[in-house]
Amino acid sequence: MNTVARFVNDESGATAIEYGLIAALIAVAIIVAATALGGNLSNLFQGISNRLGTVAVPGGAAPPANPPATP
């Protein structure tokens, strides 16, 4: 009977479960934040890429509009 009473009063498993739940909530928060920031970063880099594609290079470094025909 003493063994059953000790088992009922033991709370070490509850503490482990609480730590597990806290770790799971932190993991979910990290995943949500990474997903939200990932979309914003993707849009930012896409905008930079679009702007760089339309920049005129001074000094005529851009390729000619009509390349010469090869013989």
PDB file of N, CA and C in Angstrom:
ATOM      1  N   MET A   1       0.819  -1.201   0.000  1.00  0.00           N
ATOM      2  CA  MET A   1       0.000   0.000   0.000  1.00  0.00           C
ATOM      3  C   MET A   1       0.863   1.266   0.000  1.00  0.00           C
ATOM      4  N   ASN A   2       2.002   1.199   0.658  1.00  0.00           N
ATOM      5  CA  ASN A   2       2.905   2.330   0.709  1.00  0.00           C
ATOM      6  C   ASN A   2       3.448   2.659  -0.687  1.00  0.00           C
ATOM      7  N   THR A   3       3.681   1.663  -1.508  1.00  0.00           N
ATOM      8  CA  THR A   3       4.181   1.859  -2.866  1.00  0.00           C
ATOM      9  C   THR A   3       3.158   2.610  -3.710  1.00  0.00           C
ATOM     10  N   VAL A   4       1.891   2.286  -3.562  1.00  0.00           N
ATOM     11  CA  VAL A   4       0.832   2.953  -4.323  1.00  0.00           C
ATOM     12  C   VAL A   4       0.740   4.418  -3.911  1.00  0.00           C
ATOM     13  N   ALA A   5       0.856   4.704  -2.642  1.00  0.00           N
ATOM     14  CA  ALA A   5       0.785   6.089  -2.157  1.00  0.00           C
ATOM     15  C   ALA A   5       1.956   6.901  -2.691  1.00  0.00           C
ATOM     16  N   ARG A   6       3.150   6.308  -2.714  1.00  0.00           N
ATOM     17  CA  ARG A   6       4.306   7.015  -3.257  1.00  0.00           C
ATOM     18  C   ARG A   6       4.128   7.285  -4.743  1.00  0.00           C
ATOM     19  N   PHE A   7       3.565   6.315  -5.462  1.00  0.00           N
ATOM     20  CA  PHE A   7       3.337   6.480  -6.906  1.00  0.00           C
ATOM     21  C   PHE A   7       2.343   7.604  -7.174  1.00  0.00           C
ATOM     22  N   VAL A   8       1.280   7.695  -6.392  1.00  0.00           N
ATOM     23  CA  VAL A   8       0.255   8.716  -6.590  1.00  0.00           C
ATOM     24  C   VAL A   8       0.821  10.107  -6.281  1.00  0.00           C
ATOM     25  N   ASN A   9       1.690  10.207  -5.280  1.00  0.00           N
ATOM     26  CA  ASN A   9       2.236  11.503  -4.881  1.00  0.00           C
ATOM     27  C   ASN A   9       3.456  11.932  -5.695  1.00  0.00           C
ATOM     28  N   ASP A  10       3.995  11.063  -6.524  1.00  0.00           N
ATOM     29  CA  ASP A  10       5.184  11.387  -7.320  1.00  0.00           C
ATOM     30  C   ASP A  10       4.797  12.343  -8.444  1.00  0.00           C
ATOM     31  N   GLU A  11       5.456  13.514  -8.523  1.00  0.00           N
ATOM     32  CA  GLU A  11       5.142  14.522  -9.536  1.00  0.00           C
ATOM     33  C   GLU A  11       6.286  14.742 -10.523  1.00  0.00           C
ATOM     34  N   SER A  12       7.283  13.890 -10.508  1.00  0.00           N
ATOM     35  CA  SER A  12       8.414  14.093 -11.409  1.00  0.00           C
ATOM     36  C   SER A  12       8.016  13.917 -12.871  1.00  0.00           C
ATOM     37  N   GLY A  13       7.090  13.046 -13.151  1.00  0.00           N
ATOM     38  CA  GLY A  13       6.615  12.871 -14.526  1.00  0.00           C
ATOM     39  C   GLY A  13       5.857  14.092 -15.017  1.00  0.00           C
ATOM     40  N   ALA A  14       5.100  14.725 -14.141  1.00  0.00           N
ATOM     41  CA  ALA A  14       4.355  15.929 -14.511  1.00  0.00           C
ATOM     42  C   ALA A  14       5.316  17.053 -14.878  1.00  0.00           C
ATOM     43  N   THR A  15       6.420  17.158 -14.161  1.00  0.00           N
ATOM     44  CA  THR A  15       7.404  18.189 -14.464  1.00  0.00           C
ATOM     45  C   THR A  15       8.015  17.956 -15.841  1.00  0.00           C
ATOM     46  N   ALA A  16       8.318  16.717 -16.145  1.00  0.00           N
ATOM     47  CA  ALA A  16       8.881  16.400 -17.456  1.00  0.00           C
ATOM     48  C   ALA A  16       7.889  16.730 -18.569  1.00  0.00           C
ATOM     49  N   ILE A  17       6.621  16.457 -18.341  1.00  0.00           N
ATOM     50  CA  ILE A  17       5.596  16.763 -19.344  1.00  0.00           C
ATOM     51  C   ILE A  17       5.483  18.269 -19.534  1.00  0.00           C
ATOM     52  N   GLU A  18       5.551  19.023 -18.433  1.00  0.00           N
ATOM     53  CA  GLU A  18       5.481  20.479 -18.538  1.00  0.00           C
ATOM     54  C   GLU A  18       6.653  21.023 -19.351  1.00  0.00           C
ATOM     55  N   TYR A  19       7.852  20.524 -19.099  1.00  0.00           N
ATOM     56  CA  TYR A  19       9.012  20.959 -19.871  1.00  0.00           C
ATOM     57  C   TYR A  19       8.856  20.587 -21.346  1.00  0.00           C
ATOM     58  N   GLY A  20       8.297  19.430 -21.607  1.00  0.00           N
ATOM     59  CA  GLY A  20       8.054  19.018 -22.985  1.00  0.00           C
ATOM     60  C   GLY A  20       7.065  19.932 -23.684  1.00  0.00           C
ATOM     61  N   LEU A  21       6.008  20.330 -22.984  1.00  0.00           N
ATOM     62  CA  LEU A  21       5.019  21.240 -23.569  1.00  0.00           C
ATOM     63  C   LEU A  21       5.633  22.616 -23.830  1.00  0.00           C
ATOM     64  N   ILE A  22       6.452  23.094 -22.906  1.00  0.00           N
ATOM     65  CA  ILE A  22       7.110  24.386 -23.109  1.00  0.00           C
ATOM     66  C   ILE A  22       8.027  24.323 -24.327  1.00  0.00           C
ATOM     67  N   ALA A  23       8.800  23.259 -24.460  1.00  0.00           N
ATOM     68  CA  ALA A  23       9.687  23.102 -25.607  1.00  0.00           C
ATOM     69  C   ALA A  23       8.890  23.041 -26.912  1.00  0.00           C
ATOM     70  N   ALA A  24       7.749  22.358 -26.894  1.00  0.00           N
ATOM     71  CA  ALA A  24       6.914  22.268 -28.092  1.00  0.00           C
ATOM     72  C   ALA A  24       6.354  23.632 -28.476  1.00  0.00           C
ATOM     73  N   LEU A  25       5.924  24.412 -27.491  1.00  0.00           N
ATOM     74  CA  LEU A  25       5.399  25.746 -27.782  1.00  0.00           C
ATOM     75  C   LEU A  25       6.485  26.665 -28.339  1.00  0.00           C
ATOM     76  N   ILE A  26       7.682  26.565 -27.798  1.00  0.00           N
ATOM     77  CA  ILE A  26       8.787  27.364 -28.320  1.00  0.00           C
ATOM     78  C   ILE A  26       9.100  26.962 -29.759  1.00  0.00           C
ATOM     79  N   ALA A  27       9.075  25.669 -30.038  1.00  0.00           N
ATOM     80  CA  ALA A  27       9.334  25.190 -31.399  1.00  0.00           C
ATOM     81  C   ALA A  27       8.274  25.711 -32.372  1.00  0.00           C
ATOM     82  N   VAL A  28       7.015  25.703 -31.957  1.00  0.00           N
ATOM     83  CA  VAL A  28       5.940  26.206 -32.821  1.00  0.00           C
ATOM     84  C   VAL A  28       6.135  27.696 -33.079  1.00  0.00           C
ATOM     85  N   ALA A  29       6.515  28.448 -32.035  1.00  0.00           N
ATOM     86  CA  ALA A  29       6.738  29.888 -32.200  1.00  0.00           C
ATOM     87  C   ALA A  29       7.891  30.150 -33.173  1.00  0.00           C
ATOM     88  N   ILE A  30       8.948  29.364 -33.084  1.00  0.00           N
ATOM     89  CA  ILE A  30      10.081  29.530 -33.999  1.00  0.00           C
ATOM     90  C   ILE A  30       9.673  29.217 -35.433  1.00  0.00           C
ATOM     91  N   ILE A  31       8.891  28.171 -35.626  1.00  0.00           N
ATOM     92  CA  ILE A  31       8.441  27.794 -36.970  1.00  0.00           C
ATOM     93  C   ILE A  31       7.560  28.884 -37.571  1.00  0.00           C
ATOM     94  N   VAL A  32       6.644  29.426 -36.763  1.00  0.00           N
ATOM     95  CA  VAL A  32       5.752  30.489 -37.258  1.00  0.00           C
ATOM     96  C   VAL A  32       6.564  31.729 -37.619  1.00  0.00           C
ATOM     97  N   ALA A  33       7.504  32.112 -36.764  1.00  0.00           N
ATOM     98  CA  ALA A  33       8.323  33.294 -37.036  1.00  0.00           C
ATOM     99  C   ALA A  33       9.184  33.091 -38.281  1.00  0.00           C
ATOM    100  N   ALA A  34       9.775  31.918 -38.427  1.00  0.00           N
ATOM    101  CA  ALA A  34      10.619  31.649 -39.591  1.00  0.00           C
ATOM    102  C   ALA A  34       9.794  31.657 -40.878  1.00  0.00           C
ATOM    103  N   THR A  35       8.597  31.142 -40.817  1.00  0.00           N
ATOM    104  CA  THR A  35       7.731  31.136 -41.996  1.00  0.00           C
ATOM    105  C   THR A  35       7.351  32.561 -42.395  1.00  0.00           C
ATOM    106  N   ALA A  36       6.993  33.371 -41.406  1.00  0.00           N
ATOM    107  CA  ALA A  36       6.602  34.753 -41.701  1.00  0.00           C
ATOM    108  C   ALA A  36       7.787  35.548 -42.225  1.00  0.00           C
ATOM    109  N   LEU A  37       8.932  35.429 -41.601  1.00  0.00           N
ATOM    110  CA  LEU A  37      10.105  36.168 -42.048  1.00  0.00           C
ATOM    111  C   LEU A  37      10.620  35.640 -43.379  1.00  0.00           C
ATOM    112  N   GLY A  38      10.492  34.360 -43.610  1.00  0.00           N
ATOM    113  CA  GLY A  38      10.949  33.784 -44.872  1.00  0.00           C
ATOM    114  C   GLY A  38      10.216  34.369 -46.056  1.00  0.00           C
ATOM    115  N   GLY A  39       8.915  34.552 -45.927  1.00  0.00           N
ATOM    116  CA  GLY A  39       8.133  35.154 -47.001  1.00  0.00           C
ATOM    117  C   GLY A  39       8.536  36.594 -47.247  1.00  0.00           C
ATOM    118  N   ASN A  40       8.737  37.338 -46.167  1.00  0.00           N
ATOM    119  CA  ASN A  40       9.144  38.737 -46.309  1.00  0.00           C
ATOM    120  C   ASN A  40      10.534  38.845 -46.922  1.00  0.00           C
ATOM    121  N   LEU A  41      11.453  37.995 -46.500  1.00  0.00           N
ATOM    122  CA  LEU A  41      12.805  38.030 -47.071  1.00  0.00           C
ATOM    123  C   LEU A  41      12.788  37.663 -48.545  1.00  0.00           C
ATOM    124  N   SER A  42      11.970  36.696 -48.902  1.00  0.00           N
ATOM    125  CA  SER A  42      11.866  36.308 -50.303  1.00  0.00           C
ATOM    126  C   SER A  42      11.363  37.473 -51.142  1.00  0.00           C
ATOM    127  N   ASN A  43      10.352  38.173 -50.645  1.00  0.00           N
ATOM    128  CA  ASN A  43       9.828  39.335 -51.373  1.00  0.00           C
ATOM    129  C   ASN A  43      10.876  40.438 -51.476  1.00  0.00           C
ATOM    130  N   LEU A  44      11.631  40.661 -50.408  1.00  0.00           N
ATOM    131  CA  LEU A  44      12.669  41.682 -50.419  1.00  0.00           C
ATOM    132  C   LEU A  44      13.731  41.379 -51.471  1.00  0.00           C
ATOM    133  N   PHE A  45      14.236  40.149 -51.481  1.00  0.00           N
ATOM    134  CA  PHE A  45      15.275  39.794 -52.443  1.00  0.00           C
ATOM    135  C   PHE A  45      14.739  39.782 -53.871  1.00  0.00           C
ATOM    136  N   GLN A  46      13.473  39.423 -54.056  1.00  0.00           N
ATOM    137  CA  GLN A  46      12.888  39.460 -55.393  1.00  0.00           C
ATOM    138  C   GLN A  46      12.800  40.900 -55.890  1.00  0.00           C
ATOM    139  N   GLY A  47      12.428  41.825 -55.000  1.00  0.00           N
ATOM    140  CA  GLY A  47      12.383  43.243 -55.361  1.00  0.00           C
ATOM    141  C   GLY A  47      13.756  43.771 -55.723  1.00  0.00           C
ATOM    142  N   ILE A  48      14.781  43.397 -54.956  1.00  0.00           N
ATOM    143  CA  ILE A  48      16.149  43.817 -55.265  1.00  0.00           C
ATOM    144  C   ILE A  48      16.577  43.261 -56.615  1.00  0.00           C
ATOM    145  N   SER A  49      16.252  42.005 -56.863  1.00  0.00           N
ATOM    146  CA  SER A  49      16.605  41.387 -58.142  1.00  0.00           C
ATOM    147  C   SER A  49      15.922  42.105 -59.303  1.00  0.00           C
ATOM    148  N   ASN A  50      14.673  42.455 -59.137  1.00  0.00           N
ATOM    149  CA  ASN A  50      13.948  43.163 -60.197  1.00  0.00           C
ATOM    150  C   ASN A  50      14.575  44.532 -60.474  1.00  0.00           C
ATOM    151  N   ARG A  51      14.937  45.237 -59.409  1.00  0.00           N
ATOM    152  CA  ARG A  51      15.549  46.553 -59.598  1.00  0.00           C
ATOM    153  C   ARG A  51      16.917  46.444 -60.251  1.00  0.00           C
ATOM    154  N   LEU A  52      17.692  45.461 -59.890  1.00  0.00           N
ATOM    155  CA  LEU A  52      19.012  45.293 -60.493  1.00  0.00           C
ATOM    156  C   LEU A  52      18.910  44.919 -61.970  1.00  0.00           C
ATOM    157  N   GLY A  53      17.855  44.230 -62.332  1.00  0.00           N
ATOM    158  CA  GLY A  53      17.676  43.841 -63.721  1.00  0.00           C
ATOM    159  C   GLY A  53      17.345  45.006 -64.627  1.00  0.00           C
ATOM    160  N   THR A  54      16.864  46.122 -64.064  1.00  0.00           N
ATOM    161  CA  THR A  54      16.473  47.275 -64.885  1.00  0.00           C
ATOM    162  C   THR A  54      17.477  48.411 -64.801  1.00  0.00           C
ATOM    163  N   VAL A  55      18.601  48.221 -64.131  1.00  0.00           N
ATOM    164  CA  VAL A  55      19.602  49.275 -63.990  1.00  0.00           C
ATOM    165  C   VAL A  55      20.416  49.388 -65.278  1.00  0.00           C
ATOM    166  N   ALA A  56      20.594  50.620 -65.758  1.00  0.00           N
ATOM    167  CA  ALA A  56      21.429  50.858 -66.936  1.00  0.00           C
ATOM    168  C   ALA A  56      22.875  50.950 -66.485  1.00  0.00           C
ATOM    169  N   VAL A  57      23.743  50.242 -67.162  1.00  0.00           N
ATOM    170  CA  VAL A  57      25.162  50.232 -66.814  1.00  0.00           C
ATOM    171  C   VAL A  57      25.854  51.331 -67.593  1.00  0.00           C
ATOM    172  N   PRO A  58      26.527  52.279 -66.911  1.00  0.00           N
ATOM    173  CA  PRO A  58      27.214  53.357 -67.641  1.00  0.00           C
ATOM    174  C   PRO A  58      28.431  52.833 -68.399  1.00  0.00           C
ATOM    175  N   GLY A  59      28.775  53.492 -69.470  1.00  0.00           N
ATOM    176  CA  GLY A  59      29.968  53.128 -70.223  1.00  0.00           C
ATOM    177  C   GLY A  59      29.711  52.094 -71.302  1.00  0.00           C
ATOM    178  N   GLY A  60      28.487  51.795 -71.599  1.00  0.00           N
ATOM    179  CA  GLY A  60      28.184  50.870 -72.671  1.00  0.00           C
ATOM    180  C   GLY A  60      28.501  49.424 -72.380  1.00  0.00           C
ATOM    181  N   ALA A  61      28.458  49.014 -71.121  1.00  0.00           N
ATOM    182  CA  ALA A  61      28.768  47.625 -70.785  1.00  0.00           C
ATOM    183  C   ALA A  61      27.606  46.695 -71.072  1.00  0.00           C
ATOM    184  N   ALA A  62      26.454  47.248 -71.408  1.00  0.00           N
ATOM    185  CA  ALA A  62      25.291  46.412 -71.691  1.00  0.00           C
ATOM    186  C   ALA A  62      25.472  45.765 -73.069  1.00  0.00           C
ATOM    187  N   PRO A  63      24.940  44.581 -73.276  1.00  0.00           N
ATOM    188  CA  PRO A  63      25.057  43.929 -74.588  1.00  0.00           C
ATOM    189  C   PRO A  63      24.269  44.703 -75.634  1.00  0.00           C
ATOM    190  N   PRO A  64      24.700  44.650 -76.891  1.00  0.00           N
ATOM    191  CA  PRO A  64      23.996  45.391 -77.950  1.00  0.00           C
ATOM    192  C   PRO A  64      22.581  44.840 -78.151  1.00  0.00           C
ATOM    193  N   ALA A  65      21.700  45.738 -78.601  1.00  0.00           N
ATOM    194  CA  ALA A  65      20.312  45.338 -78.814  1.00  0.00           C
ATOM    195  C   ALA A  65      20.201  44.347 -79.966  1.00  0.00           C
ATOM    196  N   ASN A  66      20.981  44.577 -81.055  1.00  0.00           N
ATOM    197  CA  ASN A  66      20.964  43.677 -82.206  1.00  0.00           C
ATOM    198  C   ASN A  66      22.379  43.137 -82.407  1.00  0.00           C
ATOM    199  N   PRO A  67      22.666  41.964 -81.914  1.00  0.00           N
ATOM    200  CA  PRO A  67      24.036  41.444 -82.082  1.00  0.00           C
ATOM    201  C   PRO A  67      24.341  41.206 -83.546  1.00  0.00           C
ATOM    202  N   PRO A  68      25.586  41.407 -83.944  1.00  0.00           N
ATOM    203  CA  PRO A  68      25.950  41.183 -85.361  1.00  0.00           C
ATOM    204  C   PRO A  68      25.775  39.715 -85.763  1.00  0.00           C
ATOM    205  N   ALA A  69      25.391  39.535 -87.013  1.00  0.00           N
ATOM    206  CA  ALA A  69      25.200  38.182 -87.528  1.00  0.00           C
ATOM    207  C   ALA A  69      26.554  37.523 -87.735  1.00  0.00           C
ATOM    208  N   THR A  70      26.645  36.267 -87.437  1.00  0.00           N
ATOM    209  CA  THR A  70      27.899  35.525 -87.643  1.00  0.00           C
ATOM    210  C   THR A  70      27.926  34.959 -89.046  1.00  0.00           C
ATOM    211  N   PRO A  71      29.093  35.007 -89.724  1.00  0.00           N
ATOM    212  CA  PRO A  71      29.161  34.510 -91.119  1.00  0.00           C
ATOM    213  C   PRO A  71      29.029  33.019 -91.227  1.00  0.00           C
TER     214      PRO A  71
END
